[in-house]
Amino acid sequence: MVNASTVTISPDSPIIYENYWSGLQRGICSECQQPVVGLLAIAPFIRAAFIPTIVLGERFTAPKASAHIFYHRHLRPVVDDIPKINGFLKSELRAASIALSGVYGKTPNK
């Protein structure tokens, strides 16, 4: 998660946005159908951007994963020791916990 003001998205980018009730705008590439960016209004004049690590390329080292959120929508089982969070509300709460822990520099509880 980064401050959305630090993210530049070209107007020519083939991104289609879906708006959710939570204030999240999810950007999907219209060519490959993969998620590209998520934009979330946290408070007036404060917006966060969520960027999938695959979009950032090899120059960026992502933090270690702490949860598989929205696992109830998985296409294939994931075999690892990372907690799998099922259900919309539980996943939203875990995502908020992870995001806020990043803002305050703390590790989220497992």
PDB file of N, CA and C in Angstrom:
ATOM      1  N   MET A   1       0.843  -1.165   0.000  1.00  0.00           N
ATOM      2  CA  MET A   1       0.000   0.000   0.000  1.00  0.00           C
ATOM      3  C   MET A   1       0.890   1.231   0.000  1.00  0.00           C
ATOM      4  N   VAL A   2       0.544   2.180  -0.855  1.00  0.00           N
ATOM      5  CA  VAL A   2       1.281   3.435  -0.936  1.00  0.00           C
ATOM      6  C   VAL A   2       0.287   4.586  -1.017  1.00  0.00           C
ATOM      7  N   ASN A   3       0.776   5.782  -0.793  1.00  0.00           N
ATOM      8  CA  ASN A   3      -0.056   6.961  -0.952  1.00  0.00           C
ATOM      9  C   ASN A   3      -0.391   7.099  -2.436  1.00  0.00           C
ATOM     10  N   ALA A   4      -1.668   7.226  -2.762  1.00  0.00           N
ATOM     11  CA  ALA A   4      -2.099   7.278  -4.162  1.00  0.00           C
ATOM     12  C   ALA A   4      -1.515   8.474  -4.902  1.00  0.00           C
ATOM     13  N   SER A   5      -1.149   9.523  -4.183  1.00  0.00           N
ATOM     14  CA  SER A   5      -0.583  10.698  -4.851  1.00  0.00           C
ATOM     15  C   SER A   5       0.798  10.407  -5.432  1.00  0.00           C
ATOM     16  N   THR A   6       1.423   9.312  -5.016  1.00  0.00           N
ATOM     17  CA  THR A   6       2.743   8.952  -5.539  1.00  0.00           C
ATOM     18  C   THR A   6       2.655   8.024  -6.745  1.00  0.00           C
ATOM     19  N   VAL A   7       1.437   7.660  -7.143  1.00  0.00           N
ATOM     20  CA  VAL A   7       1.235   6.724  -8.251  1.00  0.00           C
ATOM     21  C   VAL A   7       0.772   7.491  -9.483  1.00  0.00           C
ATOM     22  N   THR A   8       1.439   7.252 -10.601  1.00  0.00           N
ATOM     23  CA  THR A   8       1.050   7.871 -11.862  1.00  0.00           C
ATOM     24  C   THR A   8       0.510   6.797 -12.789  1.00  0.00           C
ATOM     25  N   ILE A   9      -0.715   7.005 -13.255  1.00  0.00           N
ATOM     26  CA  ILE A   9      -1.342   6.070 -14.188  1.00  0.00           C
ATOM     27  C   ILE A   9      -1.566   6.817 -15.492  1.00  0.00           C
ATOM     28  N   SER A  10      -0.990   6.309 -16.556  1.00  0.00           N
ATOM     29  CA  SER A  10      -1.121   6.945 -17.863  1.00  0.00           C
ATOM     30  C   SER A  10      -2.574   6.938 -18.316  1.00  0.00           C
ATOM     31  N   PRO A  11      -3.058   8.056 -18.861  1.00  0.00           N
ATOM     32  CA  PRO A  11      -4.437   8.088 -19.362  1.00  0.00           C
ATOM     33  C   PRO A  11      -4.664   7.098 -20.506  1.00  0.00           C
ATOM     34  N   ASP A  12      -3.588   6.665 -21.157  1.00  0.00           N
ATOM     35  CA  ASP A  12      -3.690   5.704 -22.262  1.00  0.00           C
ATOM     36  C   ASP A  12      -3.719   4.255 -21.780  1.00  0.00           C
ATOM     37  N   SER A  13      -3.562   4.037 -20.480  1.00  0.00           N
ATOM     38  CA  SER A  13      -3.530   2.673 -19.945  1.00  0.00           C
ATOM     39  C   SER A  13      -4.867   1.976 -20.175  1.00  0.00           C
ATOM     40  N   PRO A  14      -4.824   0.696 -20.565  1.00  0.00           N
ATOM     41  CA  PRO A  14      -6.074  -0.039 -20.815  1.00  0.00           C
ATOM     42  C   PRO A  14      -6.692  -0.574 -19.521  1.00  0.00           C
ATOM     43  N   ILE A  15      -7.010   0.333 -18.611  1.00  0.00           N
ATOM     44  CA  ILE A  15      -7.534  -0.061 -17.302  1.00  0.00           C
ATOM     45  C   ILE A  15      -9.027   0.245 -17.228  1.00  0.00           C
ATOM     46  N   ILE A  16      -9.777  -0.739 -16.772  1.00  0.00           N
ATOM     47  CA  ILE A  16     -11.206  -0.576 -16.527  1.00  0.00           C
ATOM     48  C   ILE A  16     -11.392  -0.593 -15.015  1.00  0.00           C
ATOM     49  N   TYR A  17     -12.099   0.388 -14.493  1.00  0.00           N
ATOM     50  CA  TYR A  17     -12.300   0.488 -13.048  1.00  0.00           C
ATOM     51  C   TYR A  17     -13.682  -0.002 -12.648  1.00  0.00           C
ATOM     52  N   GLU A  18     -13.717  -0.762 -11.560  1.00  0.00           N
ATOM     53  CA  GLU A  18     -14.972  -1.173 -10.932  1.00  0.00           C
ATOM     54  C   GLU A  18     -15.030  -0.467  -9.583  1.00  0.00           C
ATOM     55  N   ASN A  19     -16.174   0.099  -9.255  1.00  0.00           N
ATOM     56  CA  ASN A  19     -16.350   0.793  -7.979  1.00  0.00           C
ATOM     57  C   ASN A  19     -17.119  -0.091  -7.015  1.00  0.00           C
ATOM     58  N   TYR A  20     -16.659  -0.142  -5.781  1.00  0.00           N
ATOM     59  CA  TYR A  20     -17.293  -0.943  -4.744  1.00  0.00           C
ATOM     60  C   TYR A  20     -17.849  -0.029  -3.658  1.00  0.00           C
ATOM     61  N   TRP A  21     -18.809  -0.530  -2.899  1.00  0.00           N
ATOM     62  CA  TRP A  21     -19.467   0.263  -1.861  1.00  0.00           C
ATOM     63  C   TRP A  21     -18.487   0.769  -0.812  1.00  0.00           C
ATOM     64  N   SER A  22     -17.394   0.071  -0.629  1.00  0.00           N
ATOM     65  CA  SER A  22     -16.418   0.443   0.395  1.00  0.00           C
ATOM     66  C   SER A  22     -15.576   1.648   0.000  1.00  0.00           C
ATOM     67  N   GLY A  23     -15.775   2.146  -1.224  1.00  0.00           N
ATOM     68  CA  GLY A  23     -14.969   3.259  -1.703  1.00  0.00           C
ATOM     69  C   GLY A  23     -13.779   2.801  -2.520  1.00  0.00           C
ATOM     70  N   LEU A  24     -13.635   1.502  -2.669  1.00  0.00           N
ATOM     71  CA  LEU A  24     -12.528   0.949  -3.437  1.00  0.00           C
ATOM     72  C   LEU A  24     -12.820   1.035  -4.926  1.00  0.00           C
ATOM     73  N   GLN A  25     -11.844   1.500  -5.686  1.00  0.00           N
ATOM     74  CA  GLN A  25     -11.878   1.433  -7.140  1.00  0.00           C
ATOM     75  C   GLN A  25     -10.854   0.386  -7.537  1.00  0.00           C
ATOM     76  N   ARG A  26     -11.301  -0.685  -8.163  1.00  0.00           N
ATOM     77  CA  ARG A  26     -10.390  -1.756  -8.558  1.00  0.00           C
ATOM     78  C   ARG A  26     -10.127  -1.630 -10.047  1.00  0.00           C
ATOM     79  N   GLY A  27      -8.863  -1.465 -10.407  1.00  0.00           N
ATOM     80  CA  GLY A  27      -8.471  -1.328 -11.803  1.00  0.00           C
ATOM     81  C   GLY A  27      -8.009  -2.651 -12.375  1.00  0.00           C
ATOM     82  N   ILE A  28      -8.666  -3.069 -13.467  1.00  0.00           N
ATOM     83  CA  ILE A  28      -8.348  -4.321 -14.147  1.00  0.00           C
ATOM     84  C   ILE A  28      -7.867  -3.989 -15.555  1.00  0.00           C
ATOM     85  N   CYS A  29      -6.826  -4.657 -16.008  1.00  0.00           N
ATOM     86  CA  CYS A  29      -6.344  -4.477 -17.372  1.00  0.00           C
ATOM     87  C   CYS A  29      -7.374  -5.066 -18.337  1.00  0.00           C
ATOM     88  N   SER A  30      -7.829  -4.263 -19.294  1.00  0.00           N
ATOM     89  CA  SER A  30      -8.842  -4.743 -20.242  1.00  0.00           C
ATOM     90  C   SER A  30      -8.261  -5.731 -21.248  1.00  0.00           C
ATOM     91  N   GLU A  31      -6.936  -5.806 -21.348  1.00  0.00           N
ATOM     92  CA  GLU A  31      -6.310  -6.724 -22.307  1.00  0.00           C
ATOM     93  C   GLU A  31      -6.050  -8.105 -21.707  1.00  0.00           C
ATOM     94  N   CYS A  32      -5.554  -8.151 -20.464  1.00  0.00           N
ATOM     95  CA  CYS A  32      -5.209  -9.449 -19.860  1.00  0.00           C
ATOM     96  C   CYS A  32      -6.137  -9.841 -18.712  1.00  0.00           C
ATOM     97  N   GLN A  33      -7.039  -8.943 -18.315  1.00  0.00           N
ATOM     98  CA  GLN A  33      -8.018  -9.183 -17.244  1.00  0.00           C
ATOM     99  C   GLN A  33      -7.382  -9.369 -15.866  1.00  0.00           C
ATOM    100  N   GLN A  34      -6.154  -8.922 -15.679  1.00  0.00           N
ATOM    101  CA  GLN A  34      -5.472  -9.041 -14.393  1.00  0.00           C
ATOM    102  C   GLN A  34      -5.613  -7.742 -13.595  1.00  0.00           C
ATOM    103  N   PRO A  35      -5.641  -7.831 -12.253  1.00  0.00           N
ATOM    104  CA  PRO A  35      -5.687  -6.615 -11.439  1.00  0.00           C
ATOM    105  C   PRO A  35      -4.407  -5.803 -11.619  1.00  0.00           C
ATOM    106  N   VAL A  36      -4.564  -4.493 -11.713  1.00  0.00           N
ATOM    107  CA  VAL A  36      -3.427  -3.606 -11.924  1.00  0.00           C
ATOM    108  C   VAL A  36      -3.245  -2.650 -10.750  1.00  0.00           C
ATOM    109  N   VAL A  37      -4.343  -2.139 -10.231  1.00  0.00           N
ATOM    110  CA  VAL A  37      -4.271  -1.174  -9.134  1.00  0.00           C
ATOM    111  C   VAL A  37      -5.606  -1.152  -8.396  1.00  0.00           C
ATOM    112  N   GLY A  38      -5.532  -0.871  -7.118  1.00  0.00           N
ATOM    113  CA  GLY A  38      -6.729  -0.606  -6.323  1.00  0.00           C
ATOM    114  C   GLY A  38      -6.552   0.748  -5.674  1.00  0.00           C
ATOM    115  N   LEU A  39      -7.573   1.577  -5.734  1.00  0.00           N
ATOM    116  CA  LEU A  39      -7.517   2.907  -5.136  1.00  0.00           C
ATOM    117  C   LEU A  39      -8.600   2.998  -4.070  1.00  0.00           C
ATOM    118  N   LEU A  40      -8.227   3.485  -2.892  1.00  0.00           N
ATOM    119  CA  LEU A  40      -9.163   3.531  -1.780  1.00  0.00           C
ATOM    120  C   LEU A  40      -9.090   4.883  -1.088  1.00  0.00           C
ATOM    121  N   ALA A  41     -10.249   5.528  -0.959  1.00  0.00           N
ATOM    122  CA  ALA A  41     -10.330   6.779  -0.207  1.00  0.00           C
ATOM    123  C   ALA A  41     -10.437   6.426   1.273  1.00  0.00           C
ATOM    124  N   ILE A  42      -9.399   6.737   2.029  1.00  0.00           N
ATOM    125  CA  ILE A  42      -9.372   6.427   3.459  1.00  0.00           C
ATOM    126  C   ILE A  42     -10.068   7.530   4.252  1.00  0.00           C
ATOM    127  N   ALA A  43      -9.839   8.765   3.854  1.00  0.00           N
ATOM    128  CA  ALA A  43     -10.439   9.941   4.483  1.00  0.00           C
ATOM    129  C   ALA A  43     -10.391  11.053   3.434  1.00  0.00           C
ATOM    130  N   PRO A  44     -11.084  12.176   3.679  1.00  0.00           N
ATOM    131  CA  PRO A  44     -10.990  13.265   2.703  1.00  0.00           C
ATOM    132  C   PRO A  44      -9.526  13.638   2.446  1.00  0.00           C
ATOM    133  N   PHE A  45      -9.175  13.689   1.205  1.00  0.00           N
ATOM    134  CA  PHE A  45      -7.829  14.052   0.752  1.00  0.00           C
ATOM    135  C   PHE A  45      -6.761  13.008   1.062  1.00  0.00           C
ATOM    136  N   ILE A  46      -7.159  11.824   1.524  1.00  0.00           N
ATOM    137  CA  ILE A  46      -6.199  10.740   1.759  1.00  0.00           C
ATOM    138  C   ILE A  46      -6.660   9.522   0.980  1.00  0.00           C
ATOM    139  N   ARG A  47      -5.848   9.136  -0.013  1.00  0.00           N
ATOM    140  CA  ARG A  47      -6.170   7.960  -0.822  1.00  0.00           C
ATOM    141  C   ARG A  47      -4.973   7.021  -0.823  1.00  0.00           C
ATOM    142  N   ALA A  48      -5.275   5.747  -0.754  1.00  0.00           N
ATOM    143  CA  ALA A  48      -4.232   4.722  -0.785  1.00  0.00           C
ATOM    144  C   ALA A  48      -4.306   3.993  -2.117  1.00  0.00           C
ATOM    145  N   ALA A  49      -3.169   3.500  -2.557  1.00  0.00           N
ATOM    146  CA  ALA A  49      -3.106   2.688  -3.774  1.00  0.00           C
ATOM    147  C   ALA A  49      -2.526   1.326  -3.408  1.00  0.00           C
ATOM    148  N   PHE A  50      -3.175   0.294  -3.903  1.00  0.00           N
ATOM    149  CA  PHE A  50      -2.715  -1.078  -3.721  1.00  0.00           C
ATOM    150  C   PHE A  50      -2.266  -1.564  -5.091  1.00  0.00           C
ATOM    151  N   ILE A  51      -1.013  -1.963  -5.194  1.00  0.00           N
ATOM    152  CA  ILE A  51      -0.454  -2.370  -6.482  1.00  0.00           C
ATOM    153  C   ILE A  51       0.058  -3.798  -6.362  1.00  0.00           C
ATOM    154  N   PRO A  52      -0.439  -4.713  -7.217  1.00  0.00           N
ATOM    155  CA  PRO A  52       0.058  -6.096  -7.170  1.00  0.00           C
ATOM    156  C   PRO A  52       1.564  -6.133  -7.438  1.00  0.00           C
ATOM    157  N   THR A  53       2.272  -6.966  -6.710  1.00  0.00           N
ATOM    158  CA  THR A  53       3.730  -7.023  -6.859  1.00  0.00           C
ATOM    159  C   THR A  53       4.160  -7.400  -8.262  1.00  0.00           C
ATOM    160  N   ILE A  54       3.361  -8.175  -8.976  1.00  0.00           N
ATOM    161  CA  ILE A  54       3.741  -8.566 -10.332  1.00  0.00           C
ATOM    162  C   ILE A  54       3.816  -7.353 -11.262  1.00  0.00           C
ATOM    163  N   VAL A  55       3.046  -6.317 -10.952  1.00  0.00           N
ATOM    164  CA  VAL A  55       3.056  -5.094 -11.753  1.00  0.00           C
ATOM    165  C   VAL A  55       4.335  -4.299 -11.503  1.00  0.00           C
ATOM    166  N   LEU A  56       4.881  -4.401 -10.308  1.00  0.00           N
ATOM    167  CA  LEU A  56       6.048  -3.610  -9.933  1.00  0.00           C
ATOM    168  C   LEU A  56       7.345  -4.127 -10.537  1.00  0.00           C
ATOM    169  N   GLY A  57       7.380  -5.377 -10.917  1.00  0.00           N
ATOM    170  CA  GLY A  57       8.571  -5.930 -11.546  1.00  0.00           C
ATOM    171  C   GLY A  57       9.623  -6.375 -10.547  1.00  0.00           C
ATOM    172  N   GLU A  58      10.781  -6.719 -11.066  1.00  0.00           N
ATOM    173  CA  GLU A  58      11.854  -7.300 -10.261  1.00  0.00           C
ATOM    174  C   GLU A  58      12.619  -6.284  -9.421  1.00  0.00           C
ATOM    175  N   ARG A  59      12.473  -4.996  -9.713  1.00  0.00           N
ATOM    176  CA  ARG A  59      13.226  -3.984  -8.962  1.00  0.00           C
ATOM    177  C   ARG A  59      12.665  -3.767  -7.563  1.00  0.00           C
ATOM    178  N   PHE A  60      11.473  -4.272  -7.318  1.00  0.00           N
ATOM    179  CA  PHE A  60      10.802  -4.059  -6.044  1.00  0.00           C
ATOM    180  C   PHE A  60      10.787  -5.347  -5.240  1.00  0.00           C
ATOM    181  N   THR A  61      11.150  -5.266  -3.979  1.00  0.00           N
ATOM    182  CA  THR A  61      11.072  -6.420  -3.090  1.00  0.00           C
ATOM    183  C   THR A  61       9.832  -6.265  -2.222  1.00  0.00           C
ATOM    184  N   ALA A  62       8.901  -7.159  -2.393  1.00  0.00           N
ATOM    185  CA  ALA A  62       7.639  -7.086  -1.651  1.00  0.00           C
ATOM    186  C   ALA A  62       7.814  -7.636  -0.243  1.00  0.00           C
ATOM    187  N   PRO A  63       7.016  -7.130   0.695  1.00  0.00           N
ATOM    188  CA  PRO A  63       7.048  -7.717   2.033  1.00  0.00           C
ATOM    189  C   PRO A  63       6.488  -9.136   1.996  1.00  0.00           C
ATOM    190  N   LYS A  64       6.841  -9.922   2.978  1.00  0.00           N
ATOM    191  CA  LYS A  64       6.362 -11.300   3.064  1.00  0.00           C
ATOM    192  C   LYS A  64       4.839 -11.309   3.238  1.00  0.00           C
ATOM    193  N   ALA A  65       4.169 -12.211   2.550  1.00  0.00           N
ATOM    194  CA  ALA A  65       2.708 -12.321   2.653  1.00  0.00           C
ATOM    195  C   ALA A  65       2.309 -12.718   4.069  1.00  0.00           C
ATOM    196  N   SER A  66       1.202 -12.143   4.555  1.00  0.00           N
ATOM    197  CA  SER A  66       0.742 -12.468   5.905  1.00  0.00           C
ATOM    198  C   SER A  66      -0.632 -13.129   5.916  1.00  0.00           C
ATOM    199  N   ALA A  67      -1.338 -13.146   4.774  1.00  0.00           N
ATOM    200  CA  ALA A  67      -2.660 -13.786   4.718  1.00  0.00           C
ATOM    201  C   ALA A  67      -3.103 -13.929   3.266  1.00  0.00           C
ATOM    202  N   HIS A  68      -3.889 -14.954   3.016  1.00  0.00           N
ATOM    203  CA  HIS A  68      -4.594 -15.097   1.738  1.00  0.00           C
ATOM    204  C   HIS A  68      -6.013 -14.607   2.001  1.00  0.00           C
ATOM    205  N   ILE A  69      -6.311 -13.357   1.621  1.00  0.00           N
ATOM    206  CA  ILE A  69      -7.649 -12.832   1.869  1.00  0.00           C
ATOM    207  C   ILE A  69      -8.574 -13.217   0.717  1.00  0.00           C
ATOM    208  N   PHE A  70      -9.870 -13.222   0.976  1.00  0.00           N
ATOM    209  CA  PHE A  70     -10.896 -13.627   0.007  1.00  0.00           C
ATOM    210  C   PHE A  70     -10.617 -15.036  -0.509  1.00  0.00           C
ATOM    211  N   TYR A  71     -10.129 -15.892   0.378  1.00  0.00           N
ATOM    212  CA  TYR A  71      -9.761 -17.256  -0.026  1.00  0.00           C
ATOM    213  C   TYR A  71     -10.970 -18.057  -0.489  1.00  0.00           C
ATOM    214  N   HIS A  72     -12.163 -17.661  -0.076  1.00  0.00           N
ATOM    215  CA  HIS A  72     -13.371 -18.360  -0.518  1.00  0.00           C
ATOM    216  C   HIS A  72     -13.571 -18.248  -2.031  1.00  0.00           C
ATOM    217  N   ARG A  73     -12.835 -17.359  -2.679  1.00  0.00           N
ATOM    218  CA  ARG A  73     -12.928 -17.196  -4.133  1.00  0.00           C
ATOM    219  C   ARG A  73     -11.754 -17.850  -4.873  1.00  0.00           C
ATOM    220  N   HIS A  74     -10.953 -18.619  -4.169  1.00  0.00           N
ATOM    221  CA  HIS A  74      -9.764 -19.186  -4.807  1.00  0.00           C
ATOM    222  C   HIS A  74     -10.148 -20.127  -5.952  1.00  0.00           C
ATOM    223  N   LEU A  75      -9.280 -20.171  -6.955  1.00  0.00           N
ATOM    224  CA  LEU A  75      -9.478 -21.062  -8.095  1.00  0.00           C
ATOM    225  C   LEU A  75      -8.779 -22.388  -7.890  1.00  0.00           C
ATOM    226  N   ARG A  76      -7.636 -22.335  -7.199  1.00  0.00           N
ATOM    227  CA  ARG A  76      -6.881 -23.539  -6.881  1.00  0.00           C
ATOM    228  C   ARG A  76      -6.445 -23.445  -5.427  1.00  0.00           C
ATOM    229  N   PRO A  77      -6.417 -24.569  -4.740  1.00  0.00           N
ATOM    230  CA  PRO A  77      -5.950 -24.529  -3.347  1.00  0.00           C
ATOM    231  C   PRO A  77      -4.502 -24.049  -3.264  1.00  0.00           C
ATOM    232  N   VAL A  78      -4.203 -23.322  -2.220  1.00  0.00           N
ATOM    233  CA  VAL A  78      -2.842 -22.858  -1.964  1.00  0.00           C
ATOM    234  C   VAL A  78      -2.308 -23.663  -0.790  1.00  0.00           C
ATOM    235  N   VAL A  79      -1.160 -24.287  -0.996  1.00  0.00           N
ATOM    236  CA  VAL A  79      -0.572 -25.115   0.055  1.00  0.00           C
ATOM    237  C   VAL A  79       0.624 -24.367   0.639  1.00  0.00           C
ATOM    238  N   ASP A  80       0.393 -23.727   1.774  1.00  0.00           N
ATOM    239  CA  ASP A  80       1.455 -23.058   2.514  1.00  0.00           C
ATOM    240  C   ASP A  80       0.962 -22.827   3.940  1.00  0.00           C
ATOM    241  N   ASP A  81       1.800 -22.223   4.753  1.00  0.00           N
ATOM    242  CA  ASP A  81       1.456 -22.012   6.159  1.00  0.00           C
ATOM    243  C   ASP A  81       0.809 -20.652   6.423  1.00  0.00           C
ATOM    244  N   ILE A  82       0.535 -19.891   5.369  1.00  0.00           N
ATOM    245  CA  ILE A  82      -0.066 -18.572   5.529  1.00  0.00           C
ATOM    246  C   ILE A  82      -1.563 -18.736   5.784  1.00  0.00           C
ATOM    247  N   PRO A  83      -2.122 -18.000   6.746  1.00  0.00           N
ATOM    248  CA  PRO A  83      -3.554 -18.137   7.045  1.00  0.00           C
ATOM    249  C   PRO A  83      -4.429 -17.833   5.831  1.00  0.00           C
ATOM    250  N   LYS A  84      -5.471 -18.648   5.657  1.00  0.00           N
ATOM    251  CA  LYS A  84      -6.441 -18.450   4.587  1.00  0.00           C
ATOM    252  C   LYS A  84      -7.686 -17.826   5.221  1.00  0.00           C
ATOM    253  N   ILE A  85      -8.084 -16.662   4.736  1.00  0.00           N
ATOM    254  CA  ILE A  85      -9.216 -15.937   5.303  1.00  0.00           C
ATOM    255  C   ILE A  85     -10.407 -16.088   4.361  1.00  0.00           C
ATOM    256  N   ASN A  86     -11.458 -16.746   4.837  1.00  0.00           N
ATOM    257  CA  ASN A  86     -12.675 -16.958   4.059  1.00  0.00           C
ATOM    258  C   ASN A  86     -13.737 -15.951   4.467  1.00  0.00           C
ATOM    259  N   GLY A  87     -14.556 -15.550   3.504  1.00  0.00           N
ATOM    260  CA  GLY A  87     -15.668 -14.645   3.780  1.00  0.00           C
ATOM    261  C   GLY A  87     -15.314 -13.199   3.497  1.00  0.00           C
ATOM    262  N   PHE A  88     -16.304 -12.469   2.987  1.00  0.00           N
ATOM    263  CA  PHE A  88     -16.079 -11.084   2.592  1.00  0.00           C
ATOM    264  C   PHE A  88     -15.704 -10.200   3.777  1.00  0.00           C
ATOM    265  N   LEU A  89     -16.518 -10.218   4.825  1.00  0.00           N
ATOM    266  CA  LEU A  89     -16.277  -9.324   5.952  1.00  0.00           C
ATOM    267  C   LEU A  89     -14.962  -9.636   6.661  1.00  0.00           C
ATOM    268  N   LYS A  90     -14.685 -10.908   6.901  1.00  0.00           N
ATOM    269  CA  LYS A  90     -13.421 -11.283   7.541  1.00  0.00           C
ATOM    270  C   LYS A  90     -12.234 -10.848   6.686  1.00  0.00           C
ATOM    271  N   SER A  91     -12.359 -11.002   5.373  1.00  0.00           N
ATOM    272  CA  SER A  91     -11.276 -10.603   4.473  1.00  0.00           C
ATOM    273  C   SER A  91     -11.089  -9.092   4.469  1.00  0.00           C
ATOM    274  N   GLU A  92     -12.203  -8.346   4.458  1.00  0.00           N
ATOM    275  CA  GLU A  92     -12.123  -6.881   4.502  1.00  0.00           C
ATOM    276  C   GLU A  92     -11.452  -6.420   5.795  1.00  0.00           C
ATOM    277  N   LEU A  93     -11.842  -7.030   6.910  1.00  0.00           N
ATOM    278  CA  LEU A  93     -11.246  -6.651   8.190  1.00  0.00           C
ATOM    279  C   LEU A  93      -9.760  -6.977   8.232  1.00  0.00           C
ATOM    280  N   ARG A  94      -9.389  -8.123   7.690  1.00  0.00           N
ATOM    281  CA  ARG A  94      -7.965  -8.498   7.672  1.00  0.00           C
ATOM    282  C   ARG A  94      -7.178  -7.561   6.765  1.00  0.00           C
ATOM    283  N   ALA A  95      -7.754  -7.214   5.620  1.00  0.00           N
ATOM    284  CA  ALA A  95      -7.083  -6.284   4.706  1.00  0.00           C
ATOM    285  C   ALA A  95      -6.885  -4.928   5.379  1.00  0.00           C
ATOM    286  N   ALA A  96      -7.897  -4.456   6.104  1.00  0.00           N
ATOM    287  CA  ALA A  96      -7.777  -3.184   6.818  1.00  0.00           C
ATOM    288  C   ALA A  96      -6.692  -3.270   7.885  1.00  0.00           C
ATOM    289  N   SER A  97      -6.641  -4.393   8.581  1.00  0.00           N
ATOM    290  CA  SER A  97      -5.622  -4.596   9.608  1.00  0.00           C
ATOM    291  C   SER A  97      -4.219  -4.568   8.999  1.00  0.00           C
ATOM    292  N   ILE A  98      -4.072  -5.240   7.873  1.00  0.00           N
ATOM    293  CA  ILE A  98      -2.769  -5.278   7.195  1.00  0.00           C
ATOM    294  C   ILE A  98      -2.378  -3.880   6.724  1.00  0.00           C
ATOM    295  N   ALA A  99      -3.343  -3.169   6.121  1.00  0.00           N
ATOM    296  CA  ALA A  99      -3.062  -1.824   5.610  1.00  0.00           C
ATOM    297  C   ALA A  99      -2.687  -0.872   6.743  1.00  0.00           C
ATOM    298  N   LEU A 100      -3.454  -0.901   7.819  1.00  0.00           N
ATOM    299  CA  LEU A 100      -3.156  -0.009   8.943  1.00  0.00           C
ATOM    300  C   LEU A 100      -1.838  -0.357   9.610  1.00  0.00           C
ATOM    301  N   SER A 101      -1.516  -1.639   9.664  1.00  0.00           N
ATOM    302  CA  SER A 101      -0.230  -2.021  10.256  1.00  0.00           C
ATOM    303  C   SER A 101       0.915  -1.494   9.409  1.00  0.00           C
ATOM    304  N   GLY A 102       0.715  -1.431   8.101  1.00  0.00           N
ATOM    305  CA  GLY A 102       1.737  -0.871   7.222  1.00  0.00           C
ATOM    306  C   GLY A 102       1.926   0.616   7.453  1.00  0.00           C
ATOM    307  N   VAL A 103       0.828   1.317   7.708  1.00  0.00           N
ATOM    308  CA  VAL A 103       0.896   2.750   7.974  1.00  0.00           C
ATOM    309  C   VAL A 103       1.681   3.019   9.251  1.00  0.00           C
ATOM    310  N   TYR A 104       1.472   2.175  10.254  1.00  0.00           N
ATOM    311  CA  TYR A 104       2.131   2.374  11.542  1.00  0.00           C
ATOM    312  C   TYR A 104       3.413   1.566  11.705  1.00  0.00           C
ATOM    313  N   GLY A 105       3.812   0.844  10.660  1.00  0.00           N
ATOM    314  CA  GLY A 105       5.068   0.111  10.695  1.00  0.00           C
ATOM    315  C   GLY A 105       5.084  -1.086  11.607  1.00  0.00           C
ATOM    316  N   LYS A 106       3.919  -1.693  11.828  1.00  0.00           N
ATOM    317  CA  LYS A 106       3.838  -2.865  12.699  1.00  0.00           C
ATOM    318  C   LYS A 106       3.514  -4.097  11.873  1.00  0.00           C
ATOM    319  N   THR A 107       3.816  -5.246  12.415  1.00  0.00           N
ATOM    320  CA  THR A 107       3.486  -6.514  11.770  1.00  0.00           C
ATOM    321  C   THR A 107       2.088  -6.925  12.198  1.00  0.00           C
ATOM    322  N   PRO A 108       1.192  -7.264  11.229  1.00  0.00           N
ATOM    323  CA  PRO A 108      -0.160  -7.667  11.611  1.00  0.00           C
ATOM    324  C   PRO A 108      -0.164  -8.981  12.374  1.00  0.00           C
ATOM    325  N   ASN A 109      -1.119  -9.128  13.281  1.00  0.00           N
ATOM    326  CA  ASN A 109      -1.267 -10.381  14.026  1.00  0.00           C
ATOM    327  C   ASN A 109      -1.782 -11.456  13.105  1.00  0.00           C
ATOM    328  N   LYS A 110      -1.311 -12.680  13.325  1.00  0.00           N
ATOM    329  CA  LYS A 110      -1.767 -13.797  12.487  1.00  0.00           C
ATOM    330  C   LYS A 110      -3.010 -14.406  13.052  1.00  0.00           C
TER     331      LYS A 110
END
